[in-house]
Protein backbone atom coordinates (compact mmCIF):
# COMPACT_ATOMS: atom_id res chain seq x y z
CA MET A 1 -86.58 62.45 -32.22
CA LYS A 2 -86.81 58.99 -30.72
CA VAL A 3 -85.44 55.90 -32.46
CA ILE A 4 -85.52 52.25 -31.40
CA TYR A 5 -82.78 50.00 -32.78
CA LEU A 6 -83.09 46.22 -32.80
CA TYR A 7 -79.95 44.10 -32.96
CA PRO A 8 -79.44 40.61 -31.48
CA THR A 9 -76.33 41.29 -29.37
CA MET A 10 -73.59 43.86 -28.91
CA HIS A 11 -71.05 41.62 -27.17
CA ASN A 12 -69.19 40.71 -30.38
CA ALA A 13 -66.15 42.58 -31.71
CA GLY A 14 -67.43 42.81 -35.29
CA GLY A 15 -67.61 45.71 -37.71
CA ILE A 16 -71.41 45.93 -37.53
CA GLU A 17 -71.28 46.22 -33.75
CA ARG A 18 -68.62 48.93 -34.01
CA VAL A 19 -70.56 50.92 -36.61
CA LEU A 20 -73.81 50.66 -34.66
CA THR A 21 -72.09 51.77 -31.47
CA VAL A 22 -70.52 54.83 -33.08
CA LYS A 23 -73.70 55.72 -34.96
CA LEU A 24 -75.99 55.38 -31.95
CA ASN A 25 -73.56 57.28 -29.72
CA TYR A 26 -73.47 60.12 -32.25
CA LEU A 27 -77.27 60.25 -32.47
CA ALA A 28 -77.54 60.33 -28.66
CA ASP A 29 -74.57 62.51 -27.70
CA ILE A 30 -74.21 64.93 -30.63
CA LEU A 31 -77.70 65.14 -32.14
CA ASN A 32 -79.58 64.61 -28.86
CA TYR A 33 -81.80 61.83 -30.15
CA GLU A 34 -83.52 59.53 -27.70
CA ILE A 35 -82.08 56.09 -28.50
CA VAL A 36 -83.39 52.75 -27.29
CA LEU A 37 -81.33 49.66 -28.17
CA VAL A 38 -83.08 46.29 -27.85
CA ASN A 39 -81.09 43.03 -27.79
CA TYR A 40 -82.29 39.47 -27.33
CA ARG A 41 -79.08 37.42 -27.61
CA GLN A 42 -77.05 39.54 -25.20
CA ARG A 43 -77.40 37.02 -22.31
CA LYS A 44 -76.16 39.65 -19.83
CA ARG A 45 -72.76 39.76 -21.56
CA ASN A 46 -70.93 43.10 -21.68
CA ASN A 47 -70.91 45.17 -24.86
CA PHE A 48 -67.54 44.91 -26.62
CA PHE A 49 -67.66 48.61 -27.53
CA ASN A 50 -68.74 51.34 -25.13
CA LEU A 51 -72.26 52.69 -25.56
CA SER A 52 -73.17 56.20 -24.46
CA PRO A 53 -74.84 56.31 -21.02
CA LYS A 54 -77.59 58.31 -22.70
CA ILE A 55 -78.68 55.19 -24.61
CA LYS A 56 -81.33 53.01 -23.03
CA GLN A 57 -80.32 49.40 -23.64
CA ILE A 58 -82.85 46.62 -23.07
CA ASP A 59 -81.74 43.00 -22.88
CA LEU A 60 -84.69 40.67 -23.45
CA GLU A 61 -82.65 37.78 -22.04
CA LEU A 62 -84.11 35.17 -24.38
CA GLU A 63 -82.55 31.86 -25.39
CA ASP A 64 -82.44 31.94 -29.17
CA PRO A 65 -83.18 28.44 -30.56
CA THR A 66 -80.90 29.20 -33.51
CA PHE A 67 -78.03 27.89 -31.39
CA LEU A 68 -79.68 24.70 -30.17
CA ASP A 69 -78.08 21.35 -30.92
CA LYS A 70 -80.54 20.31 -33.63
CA LYS A 71 -79.60 16.65 -33.31
CA LYS A 72 -81.26 16.46 -29.90
CA TYR A 73 -84.71 17.37 -31.20
CA SER A 74 -87.20 16.07 -33.73
CA SER A 75 -88.30 18.37 -36.54
CA LYS A 76 -91.71 18.69 -34.86
CA GLU A 77 -90.10 19.71 -31.57
CA LEU A 78 -87.87 22.27 -33.31
CA ARG A 79 -90.87 23.83 -35.08
CA LYS A 80 -92.67 24.15 -31.76
CA ILE A 81 -89.62 25.66 -30.05
CA ASN A 82 -89.11 28.20 -32.86
CA THR A 83 -92.78 29.12 -32.99
CA THR A 84 -92.90 29.67 -29.24
CA PHE A 85 -89.71 31.75 -29.32
CA SER A 86 -90.99 33.94 -32.18
CA HIS A 87 -94.28 34.49 -30.36
CA ILE A 88 -92.52 35.56 -27.15
CA LEU A 89 -90.06 37.77 -29.06
CA ARG A 90 -92.87 39.49 -30.95
CA GLN A 91 -94.85 40.12 -27.77
CA LYS A 92 -91.86 41.59 -25.92
CA ILE A 93 -90.84 43.83 -28.83
CA SER A 94 -94.45 44.91 -29.37
CA ASN A 95 -94.75 45.90 -25.71
CA ILE A 96 -91.56 47.96 -25.94
CA LEU A 97 -92.67 49.74 -29.10
CA PHE A 98 -95.99 50.81 -27.59
CA GLU A 99 -94.35 51.83 -24.31
CA GLU A 100 -91.54 53.85 -25.92
CA ASN A 101 -93.75 55.59 -28.51
CA ALA A 102 -90.80 56.18 -30.86
CA ASP A 103 -90.71 57.93 -34.24
CA TYR A 104 -88.71 55.13 -35.91
CA THR A 105 -87.92 51.49 -35.28
CA VAL A 106 -84.88 50.14 -37.12
CA SER A 107 -84.04 46.49 -37.71
CA ALA A 108 -80.57 45.56 -38.91
CA ILE A 109 -82.07 42.39 -40.52
CA SER A 110 -79.80 40.30 -38.35
CA GLY A 111 -82.59 39.14 -36.07
CA LYS A 112 -85.89 37.36 -36.29
CA GLU A 113 -87.87 40.56 -35.76
CA PHE A 114 -87.61 41.13 -39.52
CA ASN A 115 -90.38 38.59 -39.99
CA PHE A 116 -92.96 40.53 -38.00
CA LEU A 117 -91.76 44.02 -37.09
CA TYR A 118 -93.57 45.68 -40.00
CA SER A 119 -96.93 44.38 -38.75
CA ILE A 120 -96.76 45.91 -35.26
CA LYS A 121 -99.21 48.82 -35.31
CA ASP A 122 -97.52 51.34 -33.05
CA LYS A 123 -96.86 54.81 -34.45
CA SER A 124 -93.19 54.29 -35.38
CA LYS A 125 -92.08 54.01 -38.98
CA LYS A 126 -90.32 50.70 -39.62
CA ILE A 127 -87.08 50.67 -41.59
CA LEU A 128 -84.42 48.07 -42.39
CA GLU A 129 -80.64 48.29 -42.53
CA TYR A 130 -78.71 45.67 -44.49
CA HIS A 131 -74.99 45.41 -43.77
CA PHE A 132 -74.16 42.76 -46.37
CA THR A 133 -75.14 42.46 -50.03
CA TYR A 134 -78.21 41.33 -51.95
CA THR A 135 -76.43 38.31 -53.42
CA VAL A 136 -76.13 36.66 -49.99
CA SER A 137 -79.65 37.54 -48.85
CA LYS A 138 -82.37 34.96 -48.24
CA LEU A 139 -84.49 36.75 -50.85
CA TYR A 140 -81.85 36.24 -53.55
CA SER A 141 -81.33 32.58 -52.60
CA LEU A 142 -85.06 31.84 -52.77
CA LYS A 143 -85.41 33.59 -56.12
CA LYS A 144 -82.38 31.80 -57.58
CA ASN A 145 -83.82 28.41 -56.62
CA ALA A 146 -87.44 29.14 -57.57
CA ASN A 147 -88.94 27.37 -60.58
CA PHE A 148 -92.04 25.50 -61.69
CA LYS A 149 -90.21 22.31 -62.65
CA SER A 150 -90.08 20.66 -59.24
CA LEU A 151 -91.91 20.68 -55.94
CA SER A 152 -88.94 22.29 -54.18
CA GLY A 153 -88.75 24.94 -56.91
CA ILE A 154 -92.44 25.75 -56.51
CA LYS A 155 -92.03 25.98 -52.74
CA ASN A 156 -89.07 28.32 -53.18
CA TYR A 157 -91.16 30.54 -55.45
CA PHE A 158 -93.93 30.68 -52.85
CA TYR A 159 -91.45 31.55 -50.08
CA TYR A 160 -89.71 34.07 -52.33
CA ARG A 161 -92.98 35.94 -52.92
CA LYS A 162 -93.74 35.86 -49.21
CA GLU A 163 -90.26 37.17 -48.34
CA LEU A 164 -90.55 39.92 -50.96
CA GLU A 165 -93.81 41.14 -49.47
CA LYS A 166 -92.12 41.54 -46.09
CA TYR A 167 -89.48 43.84 -47.59
CA LYS A 168 -92.16 45.86 -49.35
CA SER A 169 -93.98 46.35 -46.05
CA TYR A 170 -91.16 48.44 -44.59
CA LYS A 171 -90.87 52.16 -45.24
CA ASN A 172 -87.31 51.82 -46.51
CA LEU A 173 -84.50 49.35 -46.93
CA ILE A 174 -81.20 51.15 -46.36
CA VAL A 175 -78.12 49.61 -47.98
CA LEU A 176 -74.47 50.64 -47.92
CA THR A 177 -73.48 51.07 -51.58
CA GLU A 178 -74.99 52.20 -54.87
CA LYS A 179 -73.93 48.91 -56.43
CA ASP A 180 -75.94 46.96 -53.89
CA LYS A 181 -78.88 49.32 -54.33
CA GLN A 182 -78.93 48.41 -58.02
CA PHE A 183 -79.28 44.74 -57.09
CA TRP A 184 -82.16 45.42 -54.70
CA ASN A 185 -83.87 47.77 -57.16
CA GLN A 186 -84.63 44.74 -59.33
CA GLU A 187 -87.09 43.75 -56.59
CA LEU A 188 -87.99 46.88 -54.63
CA ASP A 189 -88.67 50.59 -55.04
CA ASN A 190 -88.07 51.63 -51.42
CA VAL A 191 -84.27 51.27 -51.32
CA ILE A 192 -81.96 54.07 -50.13
CA THR A 193 -78.16 54.19 -49.92
CA ILE A 194 -76.46 55.56 -46.83
CA ASN A 195 -72.78 54.69 -46.42
CA ASN A 196 -71.34 53.56 -43.13
CA PRO A 197 -69.01 56.10 -41.51
CA ILE A 198 -65.40 55.67 -40.55
CA THR A 199 -65.59 55.14 -36.83
CA LEU A 200 -62.09 56.28 -35.80
CA LEU A 201 -61.51 59.98 -35.35
CA SER A 202 -57.71 60.28 -35.11
CA GLU A 203 -55.94 62.38 -37.74
CA ASP A 204 -52.70 60.39 -37.46
CA THR A 205 -51.24 58.66 -40.50
CA SER A 206 -49.15 55.52 -40.74
CA PRO A 207 -45.55 56.29 -41.74
CA LEU A 208 -45.62 53.02 -43.77
CA THR A 209 -42.23 52.05 -42.43
CA GLU A 210 -43.23 48.80 -40.70
CA LYS A 211 -42.94 45.83 -43.05
CA LYS A 212 -46.29 44.50 -42.01
CA VAL A 213 -49.39 43.39 -43.92
CA ILE A 214 -52.61 43.26 -41.90
CA ALA A 215 -56.12 41.83 -42.16
CA LEU A 216 -58.92 42.36 -39.66
CA GLY A 217 -62.21 40.51 -39.35
CA ARG A 218 -64.05 37.47 -38.07
CA LEU A 219 -62.40 34.14 -38.82
CA THR A 220 -65.25 32.84 -40.99
CA HIS A 221 -65.71 31.48 -44.51
CA GLN A 222 -66.99 34.87 -45.67
CA LYS A 223 -63.74 36.65 -44.87
CA GLY A 224 -61.62 34.44 -47.13
CA TYR A 225 -58.63 33.83 -44.88
CA ASP A 226 -58.16 30.44 -46.52
CA TYR A 227 -57.43 32.42 -49.69
CA LEU A 228 -55.09 34.72 -47.78
CA LEU A 229 -52.90 31.89 -46.49
CA LYS A 230 -52.47 30.60 -50.04
CA ILE A 231 -51.60 34.12 -51.18
CA TRP A 232 -49.03 34.51 -48.41
CA LYS A 233 -47.42 31.22 -49.38
CA LYS A 234 -46.68 32.72 -52.79
CA VAL A 235 -44.95 35.83 -51.45
CA PHE A 236 -43.31 35.24 -48.08
CA TYR A 237 -40.20 33.48 -49.45
CA ASP A 238 -39.30 36.58 -51.43
CA PHE A 239 -40.01 38.93 -48.52
CA PRO A 240 -38.60 37.27 -45.37
CA ASP A 241 -38.52 40.57 -43.48
CA TRP A 242 -42.29 41.13 -43.90
CA THR A 243 -45.02 39.74 -41.63
CA LEU A 244 -48.73 39.06 -42.08
CA ASP A 245 -50.85 39.77 -38.99
CA ILE A 246 -54.48 38.66 -38.89
CA TYR A 247 -56.72 40.07 -36.16
CA GLY A 248 -59.94 38.23 -35.44
CA ASP A 249 -61.69 35.32 -33.84
CA GLY A 250 -64.25 32.81 -35.02
CA GLU A 251 -65.10 29.23 -35.89
CA LEU A 252 -62.23 28.83 -38.40
CA LYS A 253 -59.42 29.75 -36.01
CA GLU A 254 -58.28 26.18 -35.40
CA PHE A 255 -58.59 25.29 -39.09
CA LEU A 256 -56.49 28.27 -40.15
CA GLU A 257 -53.82 27.53 -37.58
CA GLU A 258 -53.62 23.93 -38.83
CA GLU A 259 -53.37 25.17 -42.42
CA MET A 260 -50.50 27.47 -41.46
CA ILE A 261 -48.58 24.46 -40.14
CA LYS A 262 -49.42 22.25 -43.13
CA MET A 263 -48.31 24.95 -45.56
CA ASN A 264 -45.15 25.63 -43.53
CA LEU A 265 -45.88 29.35 -43.55
CA LYS A 266 -43.49 31.80 -41.95
CA ASN A 267 -44.05 35.25 -40.45
CA VAL A 268 -47.82 34.95 -40.17
CA ASN A 269 -49.73 35.49 -36.92
CA ILE A 270 -53.34 35.30 -35.78
CA TYR A 271 -54.20 37.65 -32.93
CA PRO A 272 -57.48 38.12 -31.06
CA PRO A 273 -59.64 41.18 -31.82
CA SER A 274 -58.32 44.38 -30.31
CA LYS A 275 -60.06 47.55 -29.18
CA ASP A 276 -56.87 49.46 -30.02
CA VAL A 277 -57.26 49.12 -33.77
CA GLU A 278 -55.75 52.57 -34.32
CA ASN A 279 -52.37 51.34 -33.11
CA ILE A 280 -52.63 48.35 -35.48
CA TYR A 281 -53.21 50.58 -38.51
CA LEU A 282 -50.50 53.08 -37.52
CA ASN A 283 -47.91 50.31 -37.25
CA SER A 284 -48.70 48.62 -40.57
CA SER A 285 -48.06 49.37 -44.23
CA ILE A 286 -50.52 47.35 -46.33
CA PHE A 287 -54.12 46.25 -45.76
CA VAL A 288 -55.54 43.14 -47.43
CA LEU A 289 -59.19 42.13 -47.83
CA PRO A 290 -59.65 38.58 -49.20
CA SER A 291 -63.41 38.45 -48.52
CA ARG A 292 -65.90 36.45 -50.58
CA PHE A 293 -68.59 39.08 -49.95
CA GLU A 294 -69.06 42.26 -47.93
CA GLY A 295 -71.46 45.16 -47.41
CA LEU A 296 -69.18 48.17 -47.11
CA PRO A 297 -66.10 46.89 -45.27
CA LEU A 298 -65.41 49.15 -42.32
CA VAL A 299 -61.86 47.88 -41.87
CA LEU A 300 -61.02 48.82 -45.45
CA MET A 301 -62.40 52.32 -44.90
CA GLU A 302 -60.41 52.67 -41.67
CA SER A 303 -57.18 51.46 -43.24
CA MET A 304 -57.58 54.13 -45.94
CA HIS A 305 -58.19 56.73 -43.23
CA TYR A 306 -54.76 55.92 -41.78
CA GLY A 307 -53.08 56.08 -45.18
CA LEU A 308 -52.68 52.37 -45.96
CA PRO A 309 -52.88 51.20 -49.57
CA SER A 310 -54.83 47.99 -50.01
CA VAL A 311 -55.26 44.85 -52.06
CA ALA A 312 -58.76 43.38 -52.10
CA PHE A 313 -60.90 40.92 -53.97
CA ASP A 314 -63.53 42.74 -56.04
CA CYS A 315 -66.40 41.03 -54.24
CA ASN A 316 -69.99 42.19 -53.86
CA CYS A 317 -70.18 44.78 -52.44
CA GLY A 318 -67.96 47.57 -51.20
CA PRO A 319 -64.35 47.21 -52.36
CA SER A 320 -65.03 48.72 -55.80
CA ASP A 321 -66.76 51.70 -54.13
CA LEU A 322 -63.76 52.33 -51.92
CA ILE A 323 -60.70 51.43 -53.98
CA ASP A 324 -59.72 53.43 -57.06
CA GLN A 325 -57.92 50.84 -59.15
CA GLU A 326 -54.14 51.35 -59.22
CA GLN A 327 -54.59 54.68 -57.44
CA THR A 328 -55.47 53.86 -53.82
CA GLY A 329 -54.89 50.12 -54.11
CA PHE A 330 -55.59 47.06 -56.25
CA LEU A 331 -58.88 45.30 -56.98
CA ILE A 332 -58.48 41.62 -57.83
CA PRO A 333 -61.06 39.32 -59.49
CA LEU A 334 -62.62 37.19 -56.76
CA GLY A 335 -60.61 34.02 -56.16
CA ASP A 336 -57.64 34.99 -58.35
CA ILE A 337 -54.92 34.12 -55.86
CA ASP A 338 -52.04 34.54 -58.34
CA SER A 339 -53.01 38.12 -59.25
CA PHE A 340 -53.57 39.00 -55.61
CA ALA A 341 -50.09 37.74 -54.71
CA GLU A 342 -48.57 39.60 -57.66
CA LYS A 343 -50.10 42.96 -56.67
CA LEU A 344 -49.25 42.45 -53.03
CA ALA A 345 -45.62 41.80 -53.99
CA ILE A 346 -45.56 44.99 -56.06
CA LEU A 347 -46.54 47.04 -53.03
CA MET A 348 -44.16 45.21 -50.71
CA SER A 349 -41.23 45.91 -53.03
CA ASN A 350 -41.97 49.54 -53.92
CA PRO A 351 -41.87 52.06 -51.01
CA LYS A 352 -42.50 55.01 -53.37
CA LEU A 353 -45.69 53.44 -54.76
CA LEU A 354 -46.73 52.49 -51.23
CA THR A 355 -46.50 56.14 -50.14
CA GLU A 356 -48.27 57.52 -53.22
CA MET A 357 -51.18 55.09 -52.95
CA GLY A 358 -51.42 55.64 -49.21
CA GLU A 359 -51.81 59.41 -49.63
CA LYS A 360 -54.55 58.95 -52.24
CA ALA A 361 -56.31 56.39 -50.05
CA GLN A 362 -56.38 58.82 -47.14
CA ASN A 363 -57.86 61.56 -49.31
CA LYS A 364 -60.54 59.19 -50.63
CA SER A 365 -61.54 58.21 -47.10
CA LYS A 366 -62.70 61.76 -46.28
CA LYS A 367 -65.91 61.01 -48.17
CA TYR A 368 -66.89 58.67 -45.34
CA SER A 369 -66.25 60.97 -42.38
CA LEU A 370 -68.52 60.48 -39.39
CA ASP A 371 -69.95 64.00 -39.52
CA LEU A 372 -70.89 63.75 -43.20
CA VAL A 373 -72.53 60.34 -42.89
CA MET A 374 -74.42 61.25 -39.72
CA LYS A 375 -75.69 64.43 -41.37
CA THR A 376 -77.26 62.16 -44.00
CA TRP A 377 -78.91 60.05 -41.27
CA ASP A 378 -80.15 63.16 -39.47
CA ASN A 379 -81.68 64.48 -42.68
CA TYR A 380 -83.27 61.11 -43.39
CA PHE A 381 -84.93 60.84 -39.98
CA LYS A 382 -86.13 64.45 -39.92
CA ASN A 383 -87.37 64.61 -43.51
CA ASN A 384 -89.31 61.35 -43.24
CA SER A 385 -90.86 61.90 -39.81
CA LEU A 386 -93.78 64.00 -40.96
């Protein structure tokens, strides 16, 4: 079995990059698949996570106009630049597909190949992976703003129909949760759910003795760390011996650090991403997820694997699939800072409850073991390759 994966770049320290690395390594090393990974934003930068030497990685070394300073160009110039880039990208990917003669080509819908991959007429079946949720997709946004009352509404309807046809042209769209599948099923009949696996294999468990709350993820609007700082402000006075450690990097780092000073917060730290995430989980006691939206949050799954109870906003999608309310953690209505702080304080003040929820969280995480999830992928590829 030969599979080509398309993803813009593997140099970032994000959850998608970690999941893809573990998944592709498993396919190559354990299941003996031939794997080709194609990137076009890599720019010769090293992968953050280690890929198997059995994987053939191709860096197209293109300059993606997405990151151009738009102020330096006219709209006409930008259209020309984007059109030229898309043409070159399509040609390079098309050449690879015909040369590699794979059984499947997979797009993670994070790159521009989504717009044309389905129309390349090599023998491979084209499938999509979506690592977020329908409610933040371009398709949903276009549909929400489509109407026949204004010119912009009519244009949005036209673009919505065009976007929908692209999705329908792929063999399958693979999403991470049943809840998200229900959203997509309003539009499509080719949607399949395959969960992401837990990517860490250690059987160790946190003793839950360190008075430490942790959050891991990119420092972006999506991840809701602005919420988290407001939550911490409500609890840290009552728990001076506890700390909040945030691990991540991103465009909001400076903003968050300024907010920490303005709010006079104590015992809160922002650290860069770490490859030794196991040590972070093992030396912590509570995991928090203040995200505005997710797909199936890998860090939440991993924290459960190490026996950490959690407090998370009940955003679309993922937390409600993973957390059993008041059993493995607490689900909080999105944006309800007071309730989040209240539940966090309950865990911080109750070691017995912390231990009980941690044990149940670890048991729940077994559903997402790497072997089980990869068996589902193996069955999918083999049963659909005929």
